[in-house]
Every structure is written in structure tokens, then in C-alpha cells.
Amino acid sequence: MNILKIPFIFIVLLSSILLFSCSKDVYFSGISQNSFDEIKENYQKINYSKDDVIKIIGPPLIKENSDNLWIYRTVKKRGIAAFKQTVYNRTLKLKFEDNILRSVEEINLD
């Protein structure tokens, strides 16, 4: 075996490991953006009950004001595991009256 091939193989192996470790991944937490958009666009036309909202986007992170204010959170981050950059960070407030969704408010925390 040629002595020059060993360092070349080592360099190629090391380069490929570095390349794969630097690839960017996308991380989501919280509720689905598509589900939230569906609720936000249609809540004035369709009287969503609390059960309907739970079926579409799931249970809330926090319930306040006698169970009439529901708070959700959605976060999207991009980067490698050690160095993540926040793309968006939102808090969503859903207000109910008589078990019907009456208000949807989106707060950007960026």
C-alpha cells in the first residue's frame, strides 16, 4: 500500500465528518403553523368550540381567566444542535366567550 494514500484517506474521512456535522437542521416546538393559520383565518366565519380547537391544534400550554383564555407557543429554530438560531418565536392567545372562540391574538417575541 502506498504511504501517500493513508493521509489522503484520513483527510477525506475527516472532511466528510466535518461536513455532515455542520449541516443545518430545522427544529420546531409548539403547535403546527398550518393548524394555527386554519383557526386564525376561519374563526370569525366558523364558531369554533373549545373541543374543536383541541381537535385542530391540541390542548393549550396555559389556561387562564376561568378557562376562557388559552395560551399556545410556537417556535422554529434553524442550525446545528449546539448553535441554533431562532427563526420565529410566537405566543398565541385565544379568547373564548360562552365556549366559542371570539379572539385570536399573535404576539411575536423576536
PDB file of N, CA and C in Angstrom:
ATOM      1  N   MET A   1       0.841  -1.170   0.000  1.00  0.00           N
ATOM      2  CA  MET A   1       0.000   0.000   0.000  1.00  0.00           C
ATOM      3  C   MET A   1       0.888   1.234   0.000  1.00  0.00           C
ATOM      4  N   ASN A   2       0.472   2.184  -0.770  1.00  0.00           N
ATOM      5  CA  ASN A   2       1.235   3.411  -0.896  1.00  0.00           C
ATOM      6  C   ASN A   2       1.069   4.265   0.361  1.00  0.00           C
ATOM      7  N   ILE A   3       2.160   4.784   0.882  1.00  0.00           N
ATOM      8  CA  ILE A   3       2.154   5.597   2.109  1.00  0.00           C
ATOM      9  C   ILE A   3       1.374   6.893   1.896  1.00  0.00           C
ATOM     10  N   LEU A   4       1.324   7.427   0.695  1.00  0.00           N
ATOM     11  CA  LEU A   4       0.619   8.678   0.443  1.00  0.00           C
ATOM     12  C   LEU A   4      -0.902   8.510   0.472  1.00  0.00           C
ATOM     13  N   LYS A   5      -1.374   7.285   0.280  1.00  0.00           N
ATOM     14  CA  LYS A   5      -2.824   7.049   0.281  1.00  0.00           C
ATOM     15  C   LYS A   5      -3.404   7.119   1.694  1.00  0.00           C
ATOM     16  N   ILE A   6      -2.654   6.754   2.697  1.00  0.00           N
ATOM     17  CA  ILE A   6      -3.153   6.756   4.073  1.00  0.00           C
ATOM     18  C   ILE A   6      -3.521   8.173   4.531  1.00  0.00           C
ATOM     19  N   PRO A   7      -2.661   9.180   4.384  1.00  0.00           N
ATOM     20  CA  PRO A   7      -3.070  10.533   4.786  1.00  0.00           C
ATOM     21  C   PRO A   7      -4.241  11.060   3.944  1.00  0.00           C
ATOM     22  N   PHE A   8      -4.267  10.693   2.670  1.00  0.00           N
ATOM     23  CA  PHE A   8      -5.363  11.144   1.810  1.00  0.00           C
ATOM     24  C   PHE A   8      -6.693  10.569   2.285  1.00  0.00           C
ATOM     25  N   ILE A   9      -6.730   9.304   2.618  1.00  0.00           N
ATOM     26  CA  ILE A   9      -7.952   8.656   3.123  1.00  0.00           C
ATOM     27  C   ILE A   9      -8.357   9.293   4.447  1.00  0.00           C
ATOM     28  N   PHE A  10      -7.410   9.562   5.306  1.00  0.00           N
ATOM     29  CA  PHE A  10      -7.690  10.198   6.593  1.00  0.00           C
ATOM     30  C   PHE A  10      -8.274  11.601   6.392  1.00  0.00           C
ATOM     31  N   ILE A  11      -7.739  12.368   5.472  1.00  0.00           N
ATOM     32  CA  ILE A  11      -8.229  13.725   5.201  1.00  0.00           C
ATOM     33  C   ILE A  11      -9.646  13.675   4.640  1.00  0.00           C
ATOM     34  N   VAL A  12      -9.909  12.745   3.740  1.00  0.00           N
ATOM     35  CA  VAL A  12     -11.247  12.610   3.166  1.00  0.00           C
ATOM     36  C   VAL A  12     -12.255  12.209   4.255  1.00  0.00           C
ATOM     37  N   LEU A  13     -11.895  11.291   5.096  1.00  0.00           N
ATOM     38  CA  LEU A  13     -12.767  10.848   6.174  1.00  0.00           C
ATOM     39  C   LEU A  13     -13.051  11.994   7.147  1.00  0.00           C
ATOM     40  N   LEU A  14     -12.042  12.708   7.555  1.00  0.00           N
ATOM     41  CA  LEU A  14     -12.196  13.834   8.473  1.00  0.00           C
ATOM     42  C   LEU A  14     -13.044  14.946   7.841  1.00  0.00           C
ATOM     43  N   SER A  15     -12.825  15.225   6.576  1.00  0.00           N
ATOM     44  CA  SER A  15     -13.603  16.255   5.873  1.00  0.00           C
ATOM     45  C   SER A  15     -15.084  15.889   5.797  1.00  0.00           C
ATOM     46  N   SER A  16     -15.370  14.643   5.511  1.00  0.00           N
ATOM     47  CA  SER A  16     -16.766  14.227   5.421  1.00  0.00           C
ATOM     48  C   SER A  16     -17.454  14.292   6.786  1.00  0.00           C
ATOM     49  N   ILE A  17     -16.760  13.948   7.837  1.00  0.00           N
ATOM     50  CA  ILE A  17     -17.326  14.045   9.186  1.00  0.00           C
ATOM     51  C   ILE A  17     -17.631  15.500   9.526  1.00  0.00           C
ATOM     52  N   LEU A  18     -16.727  16.395   9.224  1.00  0.00           N
ATOM     53  CA  LEU A  18     -16.943  17.815   9.484  1.00  0.00           C
ATOM     54  C   LEU A  18     -18.092  18.366   8.653  1.00  0.00           C
ATOM     55  N   LEU A  19     -18.168  17.948   7.414  1.00  0.00           N
ATOM     56  CA  LEU A  19     -19.232  18.421   6.536  1.00  0.00           C
ATOM     57  C   LEU A  19     -20.597  17.999   7.053  1.00  0.00           C
ATOM     58  N   PHE A  20     -20.754  16.747   7.450  1.00  0.00           N
ATOM     59  CA  PHE A  20     -22.033  16.264   7.939  1.00  0.00           C
ATOM     60  C   PHE A  20     -22.396  16.862   9.293  1.00  0.00           C
ATOM     61  N   SER A  21     -21.423  17.154  10.131  1.00  0.00           N
ATOM     62  CA  SER A  21     -21.722  17.721  11.441  1.00  0.00           C
ATOM     63  C   SER A  21     -22.137  19.179  11.353  1.00  0.00           C
ATOM     64  N   CYS A  22     -21.825  19.851  10.270  1.00  0.00           N
ATOM     65  CA  CYS A  22     -22.175  21.261  10.102  1.00  0.00           C
ATOM     66  C   CYS A  22     -23.471  21.462   9.336  1.00  0.00           C
ATOM     67  N   SER A  23     -24.128  20.408   8.931  1.00  0.00           N
ATOM     68  CA  SER A  23     -25.368  20.581   8.182  1.00  0.00           C
ATOM     69  C   SER A  23     -26.423  21.206   9.087  1.00  0.00           C
ATOM     70  N   LYS A  24     -27.257  22.057   8.504  1.00  0.00           N
ATOM     71  CA  LYS A  24     -28.262  22.771   9.281  1.00  0.00           C
ATOM     72  C   LYS A  24     -29.556  21.984   9.311  1.00  0.00           C
ATOM     73  N   ASP A  25     -30.107  21.873  10.501  1.00  0.00           N
ATOM     74  CA  ASP A  25     -31.393  21.230  10.691  1.00  0.00           C
ATOM     75  C   ASP A  25     -32.398  22.285  11.123  1.00  0.00           C
ATOM     76  N   VAL A  26     -33.677  21.962  10.990  1.00  0.00           N
ATOM     77  CA  VAL A  26     -34.740  22.846  11.427  1.00  0.00           C
ATOM     78  C   VAL A  26     -35.444  22.172  12.593  1.00  0.00           C
ATOM     79  N   TYR A  27     -35.669  22.928  13.655  1.00  0.00           N
ATOM     80  CA  TYR A  27     -36.298  22.413  14.863  1.00  0.00           C
ATOM     81  C   TYR A  27     -37.588  23.182  15.115  1.00  0.00           C
ATOM     82  N   PHE A  28     -38.676  22.464  15.357  1.00  0.00           N
ATOM     83  CA  PHE A  28     -39.955  23.071  15.681  1.00  0.00           C
ATOM     84  C   PHE A  28     -40.357  22.646  17.079  1.00  0.00           C
ATOM     85  N   SER A  29     -41.048  23.529  17.773  1.00  0.00           N
ATOM     86  CA  SER A  29     -41.696  23.133  19.015  1.00  0.00           C
ATOM     87  C   SER A  29     -42.984  23.925  19.129  1.00  0.00           C
ATOM     88  N   GLY A  30     -43.925  23.370  19.837  1.00  0.00           N
ATOM     89  CA  GLY A  30     -45.215  24.022  19.963  1.00  0.00           C
ATOM     90  C   GLY A  30     -46.191  23.481  18.938  1.00  0.00           C
ATOM     91  N   ILE A  31     -47.141  24.334  18.553  1.00  0.00           N
ATOM     92  CA  ILE A  31     -48.205  23.889  17.660  1.00  0.00           C
ATOM     93  C   ILE A  31     -47.810  24.064  16.198  1.00  0.00           C
ATOM     94  N   SER A  32     -48.523  23.394  15.333  1.00  0.00           N
ATOM     95  CA  SER A  32     -48.287  23.464  13.893  1.00  0.00           C
ATOM     96  C   SER A  32     -48.734  24.821  13.357  1.00  0.00           C
ATOM     97  N   GLN A  33     -47.913  25.438  12.530  1.00  0.00           N
ATOM     98  CA  GLN A  33     -48.250  26.731  11.939  1.00  0.00           C
ATOM     99  C   GLN A  33     -49.467  26.601  11.019  1.00  0.00           C
ATOM    100  N   ASN A  34     -49.580  25.514  10.297  1.00  0.00           N
ATOM    101  CA  ASN A  34     -50.725  25.319   9.396  1.00  0.00           C
ATOM    102  C   ASN A  34     -52.038  25.225  10.173  1.00  0.00           C
ATOM    103  N   SER A  35     -52.020  24.523  11.291  1.00  0.00           N
ATOM    104  CA  SER A  35     -53.229  24.409  12.116  1.00  0.00           C
ATOM    105  C   SER A  35     -53.618  25.759  12.691  1.00  0.00           C
ATOM    106  N   PHE A  36     -52.619  26.511  13.143  1.00  0.00           N
ATOM    107  CA  PHE A  36     -52.922  27.841  13.672  1.00  0.00           C
ATOM    108  C   PHE A  36     -53.487  28.756  12.595  1.00  0.00           C
ATOM    109  N   ASP A  37     -52.912  28.707  11.391  1.00  0.00           N
ATOM    110  CA  ASP A  37     -53.409  29.530  10.290  1.00  0.00           C
ATOM    111  C   ASP A  37     -54.868  29.196   9.961  1.00  0.00           C
ATOM    112  N   GLU A  38     -55.213  27.918  10.013  1.00  0.00           N
ATOM    113  CA  GLU A  38     -56.591  27.497   9.749  1.00  0.00           C
ATOM    114  C   GLU A  38     -57.544  28.139  10.752  1.00  0.00           C
ATOM    115  N   ILE A  39     -57.189  28.098  12.027  1.00  0.00           N
ATOM    116  CA  ILE A  39     -58.022  28.699  13.076  1.00  0.00           C
ATOM    117  C   ILE A  39     -58.095  30.212  12.897  1.00  0.00           C
ATOM    118  N   LYS A  40     -56.938  30.834  12.677  1.00  0.00           N
ATOM    119  CA  LYS A  40     -56.870  32.294  12.589  1.00  0.00           C
ATOM    120  C   LYS A  40     -57.694  32.835  11.415  1.00  0.00           C
ATOM    121  N   GLU A  41     -57.664  32.143  10.284  1.00  0.00           N
ATOM    122  CA  GLU A  41     -58.380  32.598   9.093  1.00  0.00           C
ATOM    123  C   GLU A  41     -59.889  32.342   9.163  1.00  0.00           C
ATOM    124  N   ASN A  42     -60.312  31.332   9.922  1.00  0.00           N
ATOM    125  CA  ASN A  42     -61.717  30.911   9.871  1.00  0.00           C
ATOM    126  C   ASN A  42     -62.516  31.152  11.144  1.00  0.00           C
ATOM    127  N   TYR A  43     -61.893  31.628  12.226  1.00  0.00           N
ATOM    128  CA  TYR A  43     -62.629  31.688  13.489  1.00  0.00           C
ATOM    129  C   TYR A  43     -63.786  32.694  13.456  1.00  0.00           C
ATOM    130  N   GLN A  44     -63.727  33.712  12.590  1.00  0.00           N
ATOM    131  CA  GLN A  44     -64.825  34.674  12.509  1.00  0.00           C
ATOM    132  C   GLN A  44     -66.000  34.133  11.691  1.00  0.00           C
ATOM    133  N   LYS A  45     -65.731  33.188  10.799  1.00  0.00           N
ATOM    134  CA  LYS A  45     -66.793  32.587   9.980  1.00  0.00           C
ATOM    135  C   LYS A  45     -67.363  31.330  10.628  1.00  0.00           C
ATOM    136  N   ILE A  46     -66.502  30.592  11.313  1.00  0.00           N
ATOM    137  CA  ILE A  46     -66.900  29.323  11.929  1.00  0.00           C
ATOM    138  C   ILE A  46     -66.822  29.492  13.446  1.00  0.00           C
ATOM    139  N   ASN A  47     -67.880  29.136  14.135  1.00  0.00           N
ATOM    140  CA  ASN A  47     -67.885  29.222  15.601  1.00  0.00           C
ATOM    141  C   ASN A  47     -67.190  27.999  16.186  1.00  0.00           C
ATOM    142  N   TYR A  48     -65.879  28.131  16.409  1.00  0.00           N
ATOM    143  CA  TYR A  48     -65.117  27.022  16.979  1.00  0.00           C
ATOM    144  C   TYR A  48     -65.387  26.917  18.473  1.00  0.00           C
ATOM    145  N   SER A  49     -65.726  25.726  18.909  1.00  0.00           N
ATOM    146  CA  SER A  49     -65.851  25.482  20.348  1.00  0.00           C
ATOM    147  C   SER A  49     -64.474  25.103  20.891  1.00  0.00           C
ATOM    148  N   LYS A  50     -64.376  24.992  22.195  1.00  0.00           N
ATOM    149  CA  LYS A  50     -63.105  24.590  22.811  1.00  0.00           C
ATOM    150  C   LYS A  50     -62.700  23.185  22.348  1.00  0.00           C
ATOM    151  N   ASP A  51     -63.685  22.315  22.206  1.00  0.00           N
ATOM    152  CA  ASP A  51     -63.391  20.956  21.727  1.00  0.00           C
ATOM    153  C   ASP A  51     -62.871  20.966  20.293  1.00  0.00           C
ATOM    154  N   ASP A  52     -63.429  21.851  19.452  1.00  0.00           N
ATOM    155  CA  ASP A  52     -62.951  21.960  18.066  1.00  0.00           C
ATOM    156  C   ASP A  52     -61.495  22.422  18.026  1.00  0.00           C
ATOM    157  N   VAL A  53     -61.168  23.405  18.859  1.00  0.00           N
ATOM    158  CA  VAL A  53     -59.797  23.925  18.900  1.00  0.00           C
ATOM    159  C   VAL A  53     -58.836  22.842  19.361  1.00  0.00           C
ATOM    160  N   ILE A  54     -59.226  22.079  20.359  1.00  0.00           N
ATOM    161  CA  ILE A  54     -58.363  20.985  20.846  1.00  0.00           C
ATOM    162  C   ILE A  54     -58.152  19.947  19.751  1.00  0.00           C
ATOM    163  N   LYS A  55     -59.172  19.657  18.957  1.00  0.00           N
ATOM    164  CA  LYS A  55     -59.030  18.689  17.871  1.00  0.00           C
ATOM    165  C   LYS A  55     -58.079  19.188  16.788  1.00  0.00           C
ATOM    166  N   ILE A  56     -58.089  20.515  16.544  1.00  0.00           N
ATOM    167  CA  ILE A  56     -57.277  21.069  15.458  1.00  0.00           C
ATOM    168  C   ILE A  56     -55.838  21.332  15.892  1.00  0.00           C
ATOM    169  N   ILE A  57     -55.640  22.011  17.025  1.00  0.00           N
ATOM    170  CA  ILE A  57     -54.265  22.373  17.417  1.00  0.00           C
ATOM    171  C   ILE A  57     -53.812  21.768  18.732  1.00  0.00           C
ATOM    172  N   GLY A  58     -54.688  21.047  19.406  1.00  0.00           N
ATOM    173  CA  GLY A  58     -54.294  20.381  20.636  1.00  0.00           C
ATOM    174  C   GLY A  58     -54.595  21.208  21.866  1.00  0.00           C
ATOM    175  N   PRO A  59     -54.324  20.642  23.039  1.00  0.00           N
ATOM    176  CA  PRO A  59     -54.604  21.356  24.290  1.00  0.00           C
ATOM    177  C   PRO A  59     -53.651  22.539  24.472  1.00  0.00           C
ATOM    178  N   PRO A  60     -54.089  23.563  25.189  1.00  0.00           N
ATOM    179  CA  PRO A  60     -53.246  24.748  25.367  1.00  0.00           C
ATOM    180  C   PRO A  60     -52.105  24.501  26.343  1.00  0.00           C
ATOM    181  N   LEU A  61     -51.089  25.330  26.219  1.00  0.00           N
ATOM    182  CA  LEU A  61     -49.973  25.303  27.160  1.00  0.00           C
ATOM    183  C   LEU A  61     -50.427  25.815  28.522  1.00  0.00           C
ATOM    184  N   ILE A  62     -51.240  26.884  28.503  1.00  0.00           N
ATOM    185  CA  ILE A  62     -51.741  27.511  29.734  1.00  0.00           C
ATOM    186  C   ILE A  62     -53.207  27.869  29.533  1.00  0.00           C
ATOM    187  N   LYS A  63     -54.019  27.680  30.590  1.00  0.00           N
ATOM    188  CA  LYS A  63     -55.407  28.136  30.614  1.00  0.00           C
ATOM    189  C   LYS A  63     -55.526  29.168  31.732  1.00  0.00           C
ATOM    190  N   GLU A  64     -56.128  30.324  31.413  1.00  0.00           N
ATOM    191  CA  GLU A  64     -56.304  31.381  32.398  1.00  0.00           C
ATOM    192  C   GLU A  64     -57.722  31.914  32.363  1.00  0.00           C
ATOM    193  N   ASN A  65     -58.032  32.806  33.303  1.00  0.00           N
ATOM    194  CA  ASN A  65     -59.326  33.509  33.364  1.00  0.00           C
ATOM    195  C   ASN A  65     -60.513  32.556  33.246  1.00  0.00           C
ATOM    196  N   SER A  66     -60.646  31.703  34.209  1.00  0.00           N
ATOM    197  CA  SER A  66     -61.774  30.760  34.252  1.00  0.00           C
ATOM    198  C   SER A  66     -61.875  29.917  32.989  1.00  0.00           C
ATOM    199  N   ASP A  67     -60.737  29.527  32.462  1.00  0.00           N
ATOM    200  CA  ASP A  67     -60.665  28.648  31.289  1.00  0.00           C
ATOM    201  C   ASP A  67     -61.108  29.337  30.000  1.00  0.00           C
ATOM    202  N   ASN A  68     -61.142  30.683  29.975  1.00  0.00           N
ATOM    203  CA  ASN A  68     -61.562  31.407  28.776  1.00  0.00           C
ATOM    204  C   ASN A  68     -60.413  32.041  28.010  1.00  0.00           C
ATOM    205  N   LEU A  69     -59.216  31.973  28.514  1.00  0.00           N
ATOM    206  CA  LEU A  69     -58.029  32.467  27.814  1.00  0.00           C
ATOM    207  C   LEU A  69     -57.046  31.314  27.709  1.00  0.00           C
ATOM    208  N   TRP A  70     -56.752  30.912  26.483  1.00  0.00           N
ATOM    209  CA  TRP A  70     -55.818  29.812  26.238  1.00  0.00           C
ATOM    210  C   TRP A  70     -54.575  30.376  25.582  1.00  0.00           C
ATOM    211  N   ILE A  71     -53.424  29.906  26.038  1.00  0.00           N
ATOM    212  CA  ILE A  71     -52.155  30.392  25.507  1.00  0.00           C
ATOM    213  C   ILE A  71     -51.380  29.227  24.906  1.00  0.00           C
ATOM    214  N   TYR A  72     -50.909  29.453  23.685  1.00  0.00           N
ATOM    215  CA  TYR A  72     -50.090  28.480  22.965  1.00  0.00           C
ATOM    216  C   TYR A  72     -48.760  29.129  22.614  1.00  0.00           C
ATOM    217  N   ARG A  73     -47.792  28.304  22.285  1.00  0.00           N
ATOM    218  CA  ARG A  73     -46.486  28.810  21.871  1.00  0.00           C
ATOM    219  C   ARG A  73     -46.008  28.012  20.673  1.00  0.00           C
ATOM    220  N   THR A  74     -45.359  28.702  19.754  1.00  0.00           N
ATOM    221  CA  THR A  74     -44.763  28.027  18.607  1.00  0.00           C
ATOM    222  C   THR A  74     -43.393  28.640  18.334  1.00  0.00           C
ATOM    223  N   VAL A  75     -42.399  27.781  18.121  1.00  0.00           N
ATOM    224  CA  VAL A  75     -41.022  28.221  17.916  1.00  0.00           C
ATOM    225  C   VAL A  75     -40.428  27.449  16.748  1.00  0.00           C
ATOM    226  N   LYS A  76     -39.672  28.144  15.921  1.00  0.00           N
ATOM    227  CA  LYS A  76     -38.926  27.495  14.843  1.00  0.00           C
ATOM    228  C   LYS A  76     -37.488  27.953  14.947  1.00  0.00           C
ATOM    229  N   LYS A  77     -36.567  26.989  15.006  1.00  0.00           N
ATOM    230  CA  LYS A  77     -35.137  27.287  15.088  1.00  0.00           C
ATOM    231  C   LYS A  77     -34.417  26.561  13.975  1.00  0.00           C
ATOM    232  N   ARG A  78     -33.308  27.132  13.532  1.00  0.00           N
ATOM    233  CA  ARG A  78     -32.506  26.539  12.467  1.00  0.00           C
ATOM    234  C   ARG A  78     -31.052  26.528  12.919  1.00  0.00           C
ATOM    235  N   GLY A  79     -30.340  25.484  12.555  1.00  0.00           N
ATOM    236  CA  GLY A  79     -28.926  25.387  12.869  1.00  0.00           C
ATOM    237  C   GLY A  79     -28.561  24.006  13.361  1.00  0.00           C
ATOM    238  N   ILE A  80     -27.327  23.865  13.760  1.00  0.00           N
ATOM    239  CA  ILE A  80     -26.874  22.594  14.315  1.00  0.00           C
ATOM    240  C   ILE A  80     -27.277  22.559  15.786  1.00  0.00           C
ATOM    241  N   ALA A  81     -27.160  21.417  16.395  1.00  0.00           N
ATOM    242  CA  ALA A  81     -27.647  21.241  17.761  1.00  0.00           C
ATOM    243  C   ALA A  81     -27.012  22.219  18.742  1.00  0.00           C
ATOM    244  N   ALA A  82     -25.745  22.523  18.583  1.00  0.00           N
ATOM    245  CA  ALA A  82     -25.059  23.406  19.522  1.00  0.00           C
ATOM    246  C   ALA A  82     -25.338  24.881  19.255  1.00  0.00           C
ATOM    247  N   PHE A  83     -25.583  25.255  18.023  1.00  0.00           N
ATOM    248  CA  PHE A  83     -25.762  26.660  17.653  1.00  0.00           C
ATOM    249  C   PHE A  83     -27.058  26.822  16.866  1.00  0.00           C
ATOM    250  N   LYS A  84     -28.151  27.060  17.589  1.00  0.00           N
ATOM    251  CA  LYS A  84     -29.452  27.234  16.945  1.00  0.00           C
ATOM    252  C   LYS A  84     -29.791  28.719  16.876  1.00  0.00           C
ATOM    253  N   GLN A  85     -30.345  29.130  15.749  1.00  0.00           N
ATOM    254  CA  GLN A  85     -30.790  30.496  15.557  1.00  0.00           C
ATOM    255  C   GLN A  85     -32.311  30.480  15.466  1.00  0.00           C
ATOM    256  N   THR A  86     -32.979  31.330  16.228  1.00  0.00           N
ATOM    257  CA  THR A  86     -34.432  31.380  16.232  1.00  0.00           C
ATOM    258  C   THR A  86     -34.936  32.069  14.968  1.00  0.00           C
ATOM    259  N   VAL A  87     -35.795  31.387  14.227  1.00  0.00           N
ATOM    260  CA  VAL A  87     -36.417  31.945  13.033  1.00  0.00           C
ATOM    261  C   VAL A  87     -37.659  32.731  13.450  1.00  0.00           C
ATOM    262  N   TYR A  88     -38.509  32.117  14.265  1.00  0.00           N
ATOM    263  CA  TYR A  88     -39.614  32.846  14.868  1.00  0.00           C
ATOM    264  C   TYR A  88     -39.953  32.240  16.213  1.00  0.00           C
ATOM    265  N   ASN A  89     -40.521  33.075  17.075  1.00  0.00           N
ATOM    266  CA  ASN A  89     -40.896  32.697  18.426  1.00  0.00           C
ATOM    267  C   ASN A  89     -42.192  33.446  18.723  1.00  0.00           C
ATOM    268  N   ARG A  90     -43.308  32.744  18.735  1.00  0.00           N
ATOM    269  CA  ARG A  90     -44.607  33.395  18.868  1.00  0.00           C
ATOM    270  C   ARG A  90     -45.390  32.834  20.041  1.00  0.00           C
ATOM    271  N   THR A  91     -46.152  33.708  20.665  1.00  0.00           N
ATOM    272  CA  THR A  91     -47.134  33.316  21.659  1.00  0.00           C
ATOM    273  C   THR A  91     -48.503  33.614  21.068  1.00  0.00           C
ATOM    274  N   LEU A  92     -49.427  32.693  21.240  1.00  0.00           N
ATOM    275  CA  LEU A  92     -50.761  32.820  20.669  1.00  0.00           C
ATOM    276  C   LEU A  92     -51.791  32.836  21.786  1.00  0.00           C
ATOM    277  N   LYS A  93     -52.661  33.845  21.762  1.00  0.00           N
ATOM    278  CA  LYS A  93     -53.711  33.959  22.769  1.00  0.00           C
ATOM    279  C   LYS A  93     -55.056  33.744  22.107  1.00  0.00           C
ATOM    280  N   LEU A  94     -55.800  32.780  22.608  1.00  0.00           N
ATOM    281  CA  LEU A  94     -57.145  32.506  22.121  1.00  0.00           C
ATOM    282  C   LEU A  94     -58.121  32.818  23.246  1.00  0.00           C
ATOM    283  N   LYS A  95     -59.099  33.685  22.977  1.00  0.00           N
ATOM    284  CA  LYS A  95     -60.079  34.068  23.987  1.00  0.00           C
ATOM    285  C   LYS A  95     -61.443  33.510  23.610  1.00  0.00           C
ATOM    286  N   PHE A  96     -62.098  32.922  24.614  1.00  0.00           N
ATOM    287  CA  PHE A  96     -63.402  32.297  24.421  1.00  0.00           C
ATOM    288  C   PHE A  96     -64.474  33.059  25.202  1.00  0.00           C
ATOM    289  N   GLU A  97     -65.686  33.067  24.651  1.00  0.00           N
ATOM    290  CA  GLU A  97     -66.870  33.551  25.355  1.00  0.00           C
ATOM    291  C   GLU A  97     -67.966  32.515  25.145  1.00  0.00           C
ATOM    292  N   ASP A  98     -68.529  32.036  26.231  1.00  0.00           N
ATOM    293  CA  ASP A  98     -69.581  31.017  26.170  1.00  0.00           C
ATOM    294  C   ASP A  98     -69.156  29.812  25.341  1.00  0.00           C
ATOM    295  N   ASN A  99     -67.929  29.361  25.550  1.00  0.00           N
ATOM    296  CA  ASN A  99     -67.364  28.172  24.906  1.00  0.00           C
ATOM    297  C   ASN A  99     -67.129  28.346  23.402  1.00  0.00           C
ATOM    298  N   ILE A 100     -67.186  29.573  22.867  1.00  0.00           N
ATOM    299  CA  ILE A 100     -66.954  29.845  21.449  1.00  0.00           C
ATOM    300  C   ILE A 100     -65.736  30.758  21.322  1.00  0.00           C
ATOM    301  N   LEU A 101     -64.846  30.430  20.376  1.00  0.00           N
ATOM    302  CA  LEU A 101     -63.642  31.228  20.136  1.00  0.00           C
ATOM    303  C   LEU A 101     -64.039  32.574  19.547  1.00  0.00           C
ATOM    304  N   ARG A 102     -63.647  33.660  20.244  1.00  0.00           N
ATOM    305  CA  ARG A 102     -64.017  35.008  19.811  1.00  0.00           C
ATOM    306  C   ARG A 102     -62.841  35.868  19.396  1.00  0.00           C
ATOM    307  N   SER A 103     -61.626  35.526  19.845  1.00  0.00           N
ATOM    308  CA  SER A 103     -60.478  36.383  19.552  1.00  0.00           C
ATOM    309  C   SER A 103     -59.221  35.535  19.433  1.00  0.00           C
ATOM    310  N   VAL A 104     -58.401  35.864  18.438  1.00  0.00           N
ATOM    311  CA  VAL A 104     -57.114  35.213  18.243  1.00  0.00           C
ATOM    312  C   VAL A 104     -56.080  36.314  18.129  1.00  0.00           C
ATOM    313  N   GLU A 105     -55.080  36.277  19.002  1.00  0.00           N
ATOM    314  CA  GLU A 105     -54.037  37.287  19.013  1.00  0.00           C
ATOM    315  C   GLU A 105     -52.668  36.603  18.920  1.00  0.00           C
ATOM    316  N   GLU A 106     -51.832  37.112  18.050  1.00  0.00           N
ATOM    317  CA  GLU A 106     -50.492  36.548  17.853  1.00  0.00           C
ATOM    318  C   GLU A 106     -49.472  37.580  18.300  1.00  0.00           C
ATOM    319  N   ILE A 107     -48.552  37.162  19.174  1.00  0.00           N
ATOM    320  CA  ILE A 107     -47.512  38.049  19.693  1.00  0.00           C
ATOM    321  C   ILE A 107     -46.157  37.487  19.279  1.00  0.00           C
ATOM    322  N   ASN A 108     -45.384  38.266  18.517  1.00  0.00           N
ATOM    323  CA  ASN A 108     -44.039  37.850  18.133  1.00  0.00           C
ATOM    324  C   ASN A 108     -43.065  38.225  19.240  1.00  0.00           C
ATOM    325  N   LEU A 109     -42.270  37.271  19.674  1.00  0.00           N
ATOM    326  CA  LEU A 109     -41.289  37.503  20.736  1.00  0.00           C
ATOM    327  C   LEU A 109     -39.886  37.637  20.210  1.00  0.00           C
ATOM    328  N   ASP A 110     -39.726  37.896  18.916  1.00  0.00           N
ATOM    329  CA  ASP A 110     -38.403  38.028  18.318  1.00  0.00           C
ATOM    330  C   ASP A 110     -37.811  39.393  18.596  1.00  0.00           C
TER     331      ASP A 110
END
